[in-house]
Amino acid sequence: MDFSLMAEVTPLLIRAALVTIDISARALFFGFFVACGLVFLQSFRFAPIRWFARGYISVVRGTPYFVQLLLVFYGGPSIGLKLDPFTCGVVVGAFNIGAYMSEAIRGSIESVDKGQAEAARSLGFGKVQTMVSVVLPQASALMIRSVGVLAIVLVKNSSLVSIISVVELTYQAQRLIGSTYKPLEIFTLSALMYIVIVYAVMGIIELAYRRATRYTTQ
């Protein structure tokens, strides 16, 4: 292996890795609000609203992220939706991960014993106060790891935005291979950087989980 070349291109790949982190973090942040919105819509008594939310989730989960990305980036301009590559990556990533995250959040909320909510209501808590003060604190610990797994998936999926020319880690690696003809060295470095990012995310998830459960576990 050409270690001198690896040392030379490392700064370029690190800068691209920061773009990967940036696009993943933004998509996760906005995806959380998409997920909360979908969970809220599914709680409506008006059936068509619930059907819309469930239909959206089914469509997103039933189609590849890659296809969604191409559809929005290349098909969007035909209906007046023109996004730059980075913004497209964030938007599609957010709406994609939001559909998956909504199921994780909804499942965590539904797993909280209904007796907890009933007890709170009997003490005079309103529906919103019961959700905020009783249900969500218990559900948050349950959803952390599920959402964390989705965050890792999002980081890995971010490599697909290279197809629309976002200069993230995979795209930069491909460019460097085109000029150096050293795929083994370049992709090895890229893989190592993805591993570092993923394990950093895993560490954050574990820390958040331990803090959330510090009063409920021995």
C-alpha atoms as a PDB file:
ATOM      1  CA  MET A   1       0.000   0.000   0.000  1.00  0.00           C
ATOM      2  CA  ASP A   2       1.123   3.539  -0.756  1.00  0.00           C
ATOM      3  CA  PHE A   3       1.210   5.052   2.743  1.00  0.00           C
ATOM      4  CA  SER A   4       2.650   8.349   1.535  1.00  0.00           C
ATOM      5  CA  LEU A   5      -0.346   8.808  -0.740  1.00  0.00           C
ATOM      6  CA  MET A   6      -2.692   7.927   2.127  1.00  0.00           C
ATOM      7  CA  ALA A   7      -1.082  10.580   4.310  1.00  0.00           C
ATOM      8  CA  GLU A   8      -1.356  13.109   1.487  1.00  0.00           C
ATOM      9  CA  VAL A   9      -5.063  12.584   0.803  1.00  0.00           C
ATOM     10  CA  THR A  10      -6.163  12.196   4.440  1.00  0.00           C
ATOM     11  CA  PRO A  11      -6.865  15.939   4.950  1.00  0.00           C
ATOM     12  CA  LEU A  12      -9.072  15.958   1.843  1.00  0.00           C
ATOM     13  CA  LEU A  13     -11.022  12.957   3.058  1.00  0.00           C
ATOM     14  CA  ILE A  14     -11.380  14.438   6.540  1.00  0.00           C
ATOM     15  CA  ARG A  15     -12.946  17.579   5.063  1.00  0.00           C
ATOM     16  CA  ALA A  16     -15.315  15.384   3.056  1.00  0.00           C
ATOM     17  CA  ALA A  17     -16.106  13.362   6.185  1.00  0.00           C
ATOM     18  CA  LEU A  18     -17.160  16.591   7.902  1.00  0.00           C
ATOM     19  CA  VAL A  19     -19.647  17.124   5.074  1.00  0.00           C
ATOM     20  CA  THR A  20     -20.948  13.578   5.677  1.00  0.00           C
ATOM     21  CA  ILE A  21     -21.409  14.379   9.364  1.00  0.00           C
ATOM     22  CA  ASP A  22     -23.049  17.710   8.556  1.00  0.00           C
ATOM     23  CA  ILE A  23     -25.579  16.305   6.095  1.00  0.00           C
ATOM     24  CA  SER A  24     -26.378  13.358   8.393  1.00  0.00           C
ATOM     25  CA  ALA A  25     -26.825  15.559  11.471  1.00  0.00           C
ATOM     26  CA  ARG A  26     -29.106  18.000   9.641  1.00  0.00           C
ATOM     27  CA  ALA A  27     -31.205  15.202   8.168  1.00  0.00           C
ATOM     28  CA  LEU A  28     -31.531  13.553  11.582  1.00  0.00           C
ATOM     29  CA  PHE A  29     -32.498  16.851  13.232  1.00  0.00           C
ATOM     30  CA  PHE A  30     -35.215  17.708  10.722  1.00  0.00           C
ATOM     31  CA  GLY A  31     -36.228  14.056  10.438  1.00  0.00           C
ATOM     32  CA  PHE A  32     -37.087  14.065  14.136  1.00  0.00           C
ATOM     33  CA  PHE A  33     -39.667  16.801  13.570  1.00  0.00           C
ATOM     34  CA  VAL A  34     -41.040  14.947  10.537  1.00  0.00           C
ATOM     35  CA  ALA A  35     -41.369  11.856  12.728  1.00  0.00           C
ATOM     36  CA  CYS A  36     -43.132  13.769  15.509  1.00  0.00           C
ATOM     37  CA  GLY A  37     -45.536  15.218  12.958  1.00  0.00           C
ATOM     38  CA  LEU A  38     -46.343  11.761  11.599  1.00  0.00           C
ATOM     39  CA  VAL A  39     -46.907  10.379  15.093  1.00  0.00           C
ATOM     40  CA  PHE A  40     -49.235  13.321  15.812  1.00  0.00           C
ATOM     41  CA  LEU A  41     -51.182  12.781  12.568  1.00  0.00           C
ATOM     42  CA  GLN A  42     -51.630   9.102  13.377  1.00  0.00           C
ATOM     43  CA  SER A  43     -53.264  10.032  16.681  1.00  0.00           C
ATOM     44  CA  PHE A  44     -56.106  11.930  14.937  1.00  0.00           C
ATOM     45  CA  ARG A  45     -59.579  10.511  15.213  1.00  0.00           C
ATOM     46  CA  PHE A  46     -60.348  11.728  11.677  1.00  0.00           C
ATOM     47  CA  ALA A  47     -59.543   8.630   9.643  1.00  0.00           C
ATOM     48  CA  PRO A  48     -58.350  10.272   6.370  1.00  0.00           C
ATOM     49  CA  ILE A  49     -55.575  12.087   8.260  1.00  0.00           C
ATOM     50  CA  ARG A  50     -54.424   8.802   9.798  1.00  0.00           C
ATOM     51  CA  TRP A  51     -54.570   7.145   6.380  1.00  0.00           C
ATOM     52  CA  PHE A  52     -52.439   9.915   4.883  1.00  0.00           C
ATOM     53  CA  ALA A  53     -49.738   9.491   7.540  1.00  0.00           C
ATOM     54  CA  ARG A  54     -49.744   5.712   7.268  1.00  0.00           C
ATOM     55  CA  GLY A  55     -49.740   5.888   3.470  1.00  0.00           C
ATOM     56  CA  TYR A  56     -46.747   8.213   3.515  1.00  0.00           C
ATOM     57  CA  ILE A  57     -44.852   5.922   5.855  1.00  0.00           C
ATOM     58  CA  SER A  58     -45.668   2.892   3.701  1.00  0.00           C
ATOM     59  CA  VAL A  59     -44.516   4.597   0.500  1.00  0.00           C
ATOM     60  CA  VAL A  60     -41.246   5.851   2.010  1.00  0.00           C
ATOM     61  CA  ARG A  61     -40.432   2.549   3.667  1.00  0.00           C
ATOM     62  CA  GLY A  62     -41.403   0.642   0.533  1.00  0.00           C
ATOM     63  CA  THR A  63     -39.121   2.507  -1.885  1.00  0.00           C
ATOM     64  CA  PRO A  64     -35.312   2.714  -1.902  1.00  0.00           C
ATOM     65  CA  TYR A  65     -33.699   5.862  -0.539  1.00  0.00           C
ATOM     66  CA  PHE A  66     -31.606   5.976  -3.705  1.00  0.00           C
ATOM     67  CA  VAL A  67     -34.744   6.196  -5.872  1.00  0.00           C
ATOM     68  CA  GLN A  68     -36.265   8.879  -3.636  1.00  0.00           C
ATOM     69  CA  LEU A  69     -33.078  10.924  -3.964  1.00  0.00           C
ATOM     70  CA  LEU A  70     -33.053  10.715  -7.770  1.00  0.00           C
ATOM     71  CA  LEU A  71     -36.789  11.392  -7.963  1.00  0.00           C
ATOM     72  CA  VAL A  72     -36.552  14.637  -5.993  1.00  0.00           C
ATOM     73  CA  PHE A  73     -33.287  15.891  -7.481  1.00  0.00           C
ATOM     74  CA  TYR A  74     -33.948  15.106 -11.147  1.00  0.00           C
ATOM     75  CA  GLY A  75     -37.748  14.969 -11.158  1.00  0.00           C
ATOM     76  CA  GLY A  76     -38.382  17.888  -8.809  1.00  0.00           C
ATOM     77  CA  PRO A  77     -37.554  20.674 -11.329  1.00  0.00           C
ATOM     78  CA  SER A  78     -40.350  19.477 -13.601  1.00  0.00           C
ATOM     79  CA  ILE A  79     -42.860  20.516 -10.909  1.00  0.00           C
ATOM     80  CA  GLY A  80     -40.971  23.619  -9.804  1.00  0.00           C
ATOM     81  CA  LEU A  81     -38.987  22.006  -6.987  1.00  0.00           C
ATOM     82  CA  LYS A  82     -35.349  22.821  -7.670  1.00  0.00           C
ATOM     83  CA  LEU A  83     -32.902  22.081  -4.861  1.00  0.00           C
ATOM     84  CA  ASP A  84     -29.128  22.253  -4.789  1.00  0.00           C
ATOM     85  CA  PRO A  85     -27.431  18.873  -4.162  1.00  0.00           C
ATOM     86  CA  PHE A  86     -26.659  19.454  -0.474  1.00  0.00           C
ATOM     87  CA  THR A  87     -30.160  20.713   0.352  1.00  0.00           C
ATOM     88  CA  CYS A  88     -31.702  17.843  -1.605  1.00  0.00           C
ATOM     89  CA  GLY A  89     -29.641  15.360   0.393  1.00  0.00           C
ATOM     90  CA  VAL A  90     -30.779  16.886   3.680  1.00  0.00           C
ATOM     91  CA  VAL A  91     -34.449  17.151   2.693  1.00  0.00           C
ATOM     92  CA  VAL A  92     -34.751  13.649   1.248  1.00  0.00           C
ATOM     93  CA  GLY A  93     -32.754  12.218   4.140  1.00  0.00           C
ATOM     94  CA  ALA A  94     -35.006  13.962   6.672  1.00  0.00           C
ATOM     95  CA  PHE A  95     -38.264  12.825   5.105  1.00  0.00           C
ATOM     96  CA  ASN A  96     -36.897   9.307   4.630  1.00  0.00           C
ATOM     97  CA  ILE A  97     -35.553   8.810   8.142  1.00  0.00           C
ATOM     98  CA  GLY A  98     -38.583  10.594   9.586  1.00  0.00           C
ATOM     99  CA  ALA A  99     -40.870   7.837   8.322  1.00  0.00           C
ATOM    100  CA  TYR A 100     -38.793   5.149  10.022  1.00  0.00           C
ATOM    101  CA  MET A 101     -38.274   7.212  13.150  1.00  0.00           C
ATOM    102  CA  SER A 102     -42.010   7.832  13.531  1.00  0.00           C
ATOM    103  CA  GLU A 103     -42.573   4.109  13.963  1.00  0.00           C
ATOM    104  CA  ALA A 104     -39.803   3.913  16.557  1.00  0.00           C
ATOM    105  CA  ILE A 105     -41.288   6.837  18.496  1.00  0.00           C
ATOM    106  CA  ARG A 106     -44.861   5.548  18.231  1.00  0.00           C
ATOM    107  CA  GLY A 107     -43.797   2.075  19.345  1.00  0.00           C
ATOM    108  CA  SER A 108     -41.948   3.491  22.349  1.00  0.00           C
ATOM    109  CA  ILE A 109     -44.957   5.575  23.404  1.00  0.00           C
ATOM    110  CA  GLU A 110     -47.344   2.646  23.027  1.00  0.00           C
ATOM    111  CA  SER A 111     -45.042   0.391  25.055  1.00  0.00           C
ATOM    112  CA  VAL A 112     -45.520   2.558  28.166  1.00  0.00           C
ATOM    113  CA  ASP A 113     -48.047   0.916  30.457  1.00  0.00           C
ATOM    114  CA  LYS A 114     -51.449   2.504  29.850  1.00  0.00           C
ATOM    115  CA  GLY A 115     -52.051   2.378  33.582  1.00  0.00           C
ATOM    116  CA  GLN A 116     -49.479   5.156  33.967  1.00  0.00           C
ATOM    117  CA  ALA A 117     -51.538   7.516  31.828  1.00  0.00           C
ATOM    118  CA  GLU A 118     -54.774   6.488  33.519  1.00  0.00           C
ATOM    119  CA  ALA A 119     -53.264   7.154  36.946  1.00  0.00           C
ATOM    120  CA  ALA A 120     -52.105  10.598  35.832  1.00  0.00           C
ATOM    121  CA  ARG A 121     -55.533  11.449  34.431  1.00  0.00           C
ATOM    122  CA  SER A 122     -57.136  10.357  37.710  1.00  0.00           C
ATOM    123  CA  LEU A 123     -54.894  12.859  39.498  1.00  0.00           C
ATOM    124  CA  GLY A 124     -56.252  15.659  37.348  1.00  0.00           C
ATOM    125  CA  PHE A 125     -53.581  15.783  34.645  1.00  0.00           C
ATOM    126  CA  GLY A 126     -54.776  16.857  31.213  1.00  0.00           C
ATOM    127  CA  LYS A 127     -54.043  14.818  28.096  1.00  0.00           C
ATOM    128  CA  VAL A 128     -51.113  16.980  27.035  1.00  0.00           C
ATOM    129  CA  GLN A 129     -49.696  17.219  30.550  1.00  0.00           C
ATOM    130  CA  THR A 130     -49.963  13.435  30.930  1.00  0.00           C
ATOM    131  CA  MET A 131     -48.079  12.915  27.692  1.00  0.00           C
ATOM    132  CA  VAL A 132     -45.340  15.444  28.515  1.00  0.00           C
ATOM    133  CA  SER A 133     -44.888  14.687  32.214  1.00  0.00           C
ATOM    134  CA  VAL A 134     -45.618  10.962  32.446  1.00  0.00           C
ATOM    135  CA  VAL A 135     -45.519   9.105  29.127  1.00  0.00           C
ATOM    136  CA  LEU A 136     -42.707  10.801  27.211  1.00  0.00           C
ATOM    137  CA  PRO A 137     -40.095  10.643  30.013  1.00  0.00           C
ATOM    138  CA  GLN A 138     -40.570   6.873  30.133  1.00  0.00           C
ATOM    139  CA  ALA A 139     -40.800   6.454  26.364  1.00  0.00           C
ATOM    140  CA  SER A 140     -37.675   8.529  25.699  1.00  0.00           C
ATOM    141  CA  ALA A 141     -35.390   5.916  27.241  1.00  0.00           C
ATOM    142  CA  LEU A 142     -37.004   3.239  25.098  1.00  0.00           C
ATOM    143  CA  MET A 143     -36.693   5.204  21.855  1.00  0.00           C
ATOM    144  CA  ILE A 144     -33.057   6.303  22.249  1.00  0.00           C
ATOM    145  CA  ARG A 145     -31.503   3.098  20.968  1.00  0.00           C
ATOM    146  CA  SER A 146     -34.038   2.700  18.168  1.00  0.00           C
ATOM    147  CA  VAL A 147     -33.447   6.240  16.980  1.00  0.00           C
ATOM    148  CA  GLY A 148     -29.707   5.690  17.414  1.00  0.00           C
ATOM    149  CA  VAL A 149     -29.758   2.704  15.078  1.00  0.00           C
ATOM    150  CA  LEU A 150     -31.573   4.851  12.520  1.00  0.00           C
ATOM    151  CA  ALA A 151     -28.911   7.546  12.935  1.00  0.00           C
ATOM    152  CA  ILE A 152     -26.241   4.998  12.023  1.00  0.00           C
ATOM    153  CA  VAL A 153     -28.261   3.897   9.006  1.00  0.00           C
ATOM    154  CA  LEU A 154     -28.560   7.546   7.993  1.00  0.00           C
ATOM    155  CA  VAL A 155     -24.781   8.030   8.143  1.00  0.00           C
ATOM    156  CA  LYS A 156     -24.275   5.019   5.904  1.00  0.00           C
ATOM    157  CA  ASN A 157     -27.022   6.110   3.507  1.00  0.00           C
ATOM    158  CA  SER A 158     -25.383   9.521   3.206  1.00  0.00           C
ATOM    159  CA  SER A 159     -22.872   7.916   0.840  1.00  0.00           C
ATOM    160  CA  LEU A 160     -25.682   7.736  -1.733  1.00  0.00           C
ATOM    161  CA  VAL A 161     -25.837  11.516  -2.083  1.00  0.00           C
ATOM    162  CA  SER A 162     -22.588  11.206  -4.028  1.00  0.00           C
ATOM    163  CA  ILE A 163     -24.794  10.316  -7.001  1.00  0.00           C
ATOM    164  CA  ILE A 164     -26.085  13.915  -7.068  1.00  0.00           C
ATOM    165  CA  SER A 165     -22.555  15.330  -6.696  1.00  0.00           C
ATOM    166  CA  VAL A 166     -22.507  16.238  -3.007  1.00  0.00           C
ATOM    167  CA  VAL A 167     -18.815  16.322  -2.129  1.00  0.00           C
ATOM    168  CA  GLU A 168     -19.026  14.027   0.895  1.00  0.00           C
ATOM    169  CA  LEU A 169     -16.734  11.157   1.821  1.00  0.00           C
ATOM    170  CA  THR A 170     -17.688   8.673  -0.896  1.00  0.00           C
ATOM    171  CA  TYR A 171     -17.756  11.281  -3.665  1.00  0.00           C
ATOM    172  CA  GLN A 172     -14.368  12.651  -2.652  1.00  0.00           C
ATOM    173  CA  ALA A 173     -12.954   9.133  -2.544  1.00  0.00           C
ATOM    174  CA  GLN A 174     -14.193   8.480  -6.072  1.00  0.00           C
ATOM    175  CA  ARG A 175     -12.642  11.721  -7.307  1.00  0.00           C
ATOM    176  CA  LEU A 176      -9.307  10.875  -5.718  1.00  0.00           C
ATOM    177  CA  ILE A 177      -9.342   7.400  -7.213  1.00  0.00           C
ATOM    178  CA  GLY A 178      -9.929   8.964 -10.622  1.00  0.00           C
ATOM    179  CA  SER A 179      -6.767  11.032 -10.265  1.00  0.00           C
ATOM    180  CA  THR A 180      -4.513   8.599  -8.359  1.00  0.00           C
ATOM    181  CA  TYR A 181      -5.694   5.185  -9.601  1.00  0.00           C
ATOM    182  CA  LYS A 182      -5.240   3.849  -6.072  1.00  0.00           C
ATOM    183  CA  PRO A 183      -8.649   2.438  -5.063  1.00  0.00           C
ATOM    184  CA  LEU A 184      -7.326   0.186  -2.292  1.00  0.00           C
ATOM    185  CA  GLU A 185      -5.659   2.991  -0.366  1.00  0.00           C
ATOM    186  CA  ILE A 186      -8.447   5.524  -0.889  1.00  0.00           C
ATOM    187  CA  PHE A 187     -11.351   3.238  -0.059  1.00  0.00           C
ATOM    188  CA  THR A 188      -9.480   1.825   2.951  1.00  0.00           C
ATOM    189  CA  LEU A 189      -9.137   5.335   4.359  1.00  0.00           C
ATOM    190  CA  SER A 190     -12.789   6.078   3.586  1.00  0.00           C
ATOM    191  CA  ALA A 191     -13.927   2.900   5.300  1.00  0.00           C
ATOM    192  CA  LEU A 192     -11.869   3.727   8.389  1.00  0.00           C
ATOM    193  CA  MET A 193     -13.429   7.177   8.558  1.00  0.00           C
ATOM    194  CA  TYR A 194     -16.940   5.744   8.294  1.00  0.00           C
ATOM    195  CA  ILE A 195     -16.071   3.344  11.120  1.00  0.00           C
ATOM    196  CA  VAL A 196     -14.880   6.238  13.294  1.00  0.00           C
ATOM    197  CA  ILE A 197     -18.085   8.194  12.606  1.00  0.00           C
ATOM    198  CA  VAL A 198     -20.339   5.203  13.287  1.00  0.00           C
ATOM    199  CA  TYR A 199     -18.597   4.294  16.526  1.00  0.00           C
ATOM    200  CA  ALA A 200     -18.747   7.910  17.661  1.00  0.00           C
ATOM    201  CA  VAL A 201     -22.506   7.860  17.065  1.00  0.00           C
ATOM    202  CA  MET A 202     -22.769   4.574  18.958  1.00  0.00           C
ATOM    203  CA  GLY A 203     -20.885   6.113  21.881  1.00  0.00           C
ATOM    204  CA  ILE A 204     -23.228   9.100  21.977  1.00  0.00           C
ATOM    205  CA  ILE A 205     -26.250   6.787  21.877  1.00  0.00           C
ATOM    206  CA  GLU A 206     -24.947   4.661  24.725  1.00  0.00           C
ATOM    207  CA  LEU A 207     -24.159   7.728  26.820  1.00  0.00           C
ATOM    208  CA  ALA A 208     -27.631   9.176  26.208  1.00  0.00           C
ATOM    209  CA  TYR A 209     -29.250   5.839  27.060  1.00  0.00           C
ATOM    210  CA  ARG A 210     -27.336   5.510  30.318  1.00  0.00           C
ATOM    211  CA  ARG A 211     -28.278   9.032  31.347  1.00  0.00           C
ATOM    212  CA  ALA A 212     -31.928   8.426  30.472  1.00  0.00           C
ATOM    213  CA  THR A 213     -32.070   5.196  32.503  1.00  0.00           C
ATOM    214  CA  ARG A 214     -29.803   6.134  35.414  1.00  0.00           C
ATOM    215  CA  TYR A 215     -32.745   6.260  37.832  1.00  0.00           C
ATOM    216  CA  THR A 216     -34.556   3.172  36.502  1.00  0.00           C
ATOM    217  CA  THR A 217     -31.763   0.577  36.235  1.00  0.00           C
ATOM    218  CA  GLN A 218     -29.531  -0.957  38.861  1.00  0.00           C
END
